[in-house]
Amino acid sequence: MAKKSGTEDSVYKVVEVIGTSTKSWEDAARVAVETAAGSLRDLRIAEVAKMDLKVENGKVVAYRTRLQLSFKYRA
């Protein structure tokens, strides 16, 4: 198969992270991505794998969002 000029094959690594927030699932996801971006370079995709809640005494006290993050793998 012929390659188009200017394109290259790439490999991506996927890691799982969990963000937490007292505000919302969206905020928990944002916290996870922004924190991971501090040590992972070239983040590409964040996929929500699972969302859950921490409950204490019948009240929601925290939102947790589990994400699968992909970034370009460099050997």
C-alpha atoms as a PDB file:
ATOM      1  CA  MET A   1       0.000   0.000   0.000  1.00  0.00           C
ATOM      2  CA  ALA A   2       1.446   3.388  -0.948  1.00  0.00           C
ATOM      3  CA  LYS A   3       1.938   6.017   1.741  1.00  0.00           C
ATOM      4  CA  LYS A   4       0.850   9.583   1.267  1.00  0.00           C
ATOM      5  CA  SER A   5       3.765  11.956   1.434  1.00  0.00           C
ATOM      6  CA  GLY A   6       4.145  13.725   4.777  1.00  0.00           C
ATOM      7  CA  THR A   7       2.467  10.988   6.814  1.00  0.00           C
ATOM      8  CA  GLU A   8       4.159   8.584   9.155  1.00  0.00           C
ATOM      9  CA  ASP A   9       3.074   5.541  11.076  1.00  0.00           C
ATOM     10  CA  SER A  10       2.594   6.147  14.802  1.00  0.00           C
ATOM     11  CA  VAL A  11       2.226   4.152  17.981  1.00  0.00           C
ATOM     12  CA  TYR A  12       0.126   5.331  20.906  1.00  0.00           C
ATOM     13  CA  LYS A  13       0.199   4.210  24.523  1.00  0.00           C
ATOM     14  CA  VAL A  14      -2.953   4.131  26.665  1.00  0.00           C
ATOM     15  CA  VAL A  15      -2.944   4.681  30.425  1.00  0.00           C
ATOM     16  CA  GLU A  16      -5.812   4.757  32.874  1.00  0.00           C
ATOM     17  CA  VAL A  17      -6.224   7.591  35.361  1.00  0.00           C
ATOM     18  CA  ILE A  18      -8.940   8.519  37.846  1.00  0.00           C
ATOM     19  CA  GLY A  19      -9.828  12.117  38.642  1.00  0.00           C
ATOM     20  CA  THR A  20     -11.894  13.203  41.619  1.00  0.00           C
ATOM     21  CA  SER A  21     -13.941  16.310  42.332  1.00  0.00           C
ATOM     22  CA  THR A  22     -16.520  17.522  44.807  1.00  0.00           C
ATOM     23  CA  LYS A  23     -18.265  19.449  41.987  1.00  0.00           C
ATOM     24  CA  SER A  24     -19.033  17.120  39.041  1.00  0.00           C
ATOM     25  CA  TRP A  25     -17.935  14.235  36.833  1.00  0.00           C
ATOM     26  CA  GLU A  26     -16.839  16.750  34.206  1.00  0.00           C
ATOM     27  CA  ASP A  27     -14.645  18.531  36.723  1.00  0.00           C
ATOM     28  CA  ALA A  28     -13.167  15.198  37.823  1.00  0.00           C
ATOM     29  CA  ALA A  29     -12.296  14.427  34.185  1.00  0.00           C
ATOM     30  CA  ARG A  30     -10.719  17.868  33.744  1.00  0.00           C
ATOM     31  CA  VAL A  31      -8.623  17.392  36.888  1.00  0.00           C
ATOM     32  CA  ALA A  32      -7.412  14.000  35.627  1.00  0.00           C
ATOM     33  CA  VAL A  33      -6.426  15.308  32.185  1.00  0.00           C
ATOM     34  CA  GLU A  34      -4.735  18.467  33.458  1.00  0.00           C
ATOM     35  CA  THR A  35      -2.796  16.556  36.107  1.00  0.00           C
ATOM     36  CA  ALA A  36      -1.700  13.828  33.664  1.00  0.00           C
ATOM     37  CA  ALA A  37      -0.643  16.479  31.144  1.00  0.00           C
ATOM     38  CA  GLY A  38       1.987  17.587  33.654  1.00  0.00           C
ATOM     39  CA  SER A  39       3.939  14.365  33.158  1.00  0.00           C
ATOM     40  CA  LEU A  40       2.671  12.886  29.877  1.00  0.00           C
ATOM     41  CA  ARG A  41       3.598  14.576  26.622  1.00  0.00           C
ATOM     42  CA  ASP A  42       1.479  14.828  23.524  1.00  0.00           C
ATOM     43  CA  LEU A  43      -1.854  13.660  24.966  1.00  0.00           C
ATOM     44  CA  ARG A  44      -4.261  12.867  22.137  1.00  0.00           C
ATOM     45  CA  ILE A  45      -7.517  11.315  23.343  1.00  0.00           C
ATOM     46  CA  ALA A  46      -9.316  11.015  26.679  1.00  0.00           C
ATOM     47  CA  GLU A  47     -12.037   8.384  26.780  1.00  0.00           C
ATOM     48  CA  VAL A  48     -14.384   8.101  29.755  1.00  0.00           C
ATOM     49  CA  ALA A  49     -14.307   4.492  30.924  1.00  0.00           C
ATOM     50  CA  LYS A  50     -16.392   4.774  34.083  1.00  0.00           C
ATOM     51  CA  MET A  51     -18.016   7.293  36.386  1.00  0.00           C
ATOM     52  CA  ASP A  52     -18.933   6.699  40.001  1.00  0.00           C
ATOM     53  CA  LEU A  53     -19.755   8.534  43.211  1.00  0.00           C
ATOM     54  CA  LYS A  54     -18.450   8.459  46.736  1.00  0.00           C
ATOM     55  CA  VAL A  55     -21.356   8.462  49.193  1.00  0.00           C
ATOM     56  CA  GLU A  56     -21.189   9.211  52.914  1.00  0.00           C
ATOM     57  CA  ASN A  57     -24.227   9.229  55.208  1.00  0.00           C
ATOM     58  CA  GLY A  58     -26.539   9.072  52.209  1.00  0.00           C
ATOM     59  CA  LYS A  59     -25.018  12.143  50.512  1.00  0.00           C
ATOM     60  CA  VAL A  60     -22.752  12.456  47.491  1.00  0.00           C
ATOM     61  CA  VAL A  61     -19.380  13.754  48.665  1.00  0.00           C
ATOM     62  CA  ALA A  62     -17.238  13.178  45.570  1.00  0.00           C
ATOM     63  CA  TYR A  63     -17.452  12.417  41.852  1.00  0.00           C
ATOM     64  CA  ARG A  64     -14.895  10.086  40.268  1.00  0.00           C
ATOM     65  CA  THR A  65     -14.208   9.777  36.557  1.00  0.00           C
ATOM     66  CA  ARG A  66     -11.991   7.012  35.197  1.00  0.00           C
ATOM     67  CA  LEU A  67     -10.349   7.925  31.895  1.00  0.00           C
ATOM     68  CA  GLN A  68      -8.215   6.124  29.372  1.00  0.00           C
ATOM     69  CA  LEU A  69      -5.683   8.614  28.027  1.00  0.00           C
ATOM     70  CA  SER A  70      -3.699   8.031  24.869  1.00  0.00           C
ATOM     71  CA  PHE A  71      -0.462   9.720  23.961  1.00  0.00           C
ATOM     72  CA  LYS A  72       2.099   9.299  21.225  1.00  0.00           C
ATOM     73  CA  TYR A  73       4.693   6.689  22.162  1.00  0.00           C
ATOM     74  CA  ARG A  74       8.301   7.579  21.574  1.00  0.00           C
ATOM     75  CA  ALA A  75      10.962   4.892  21.961  1.00  0.00           C
END
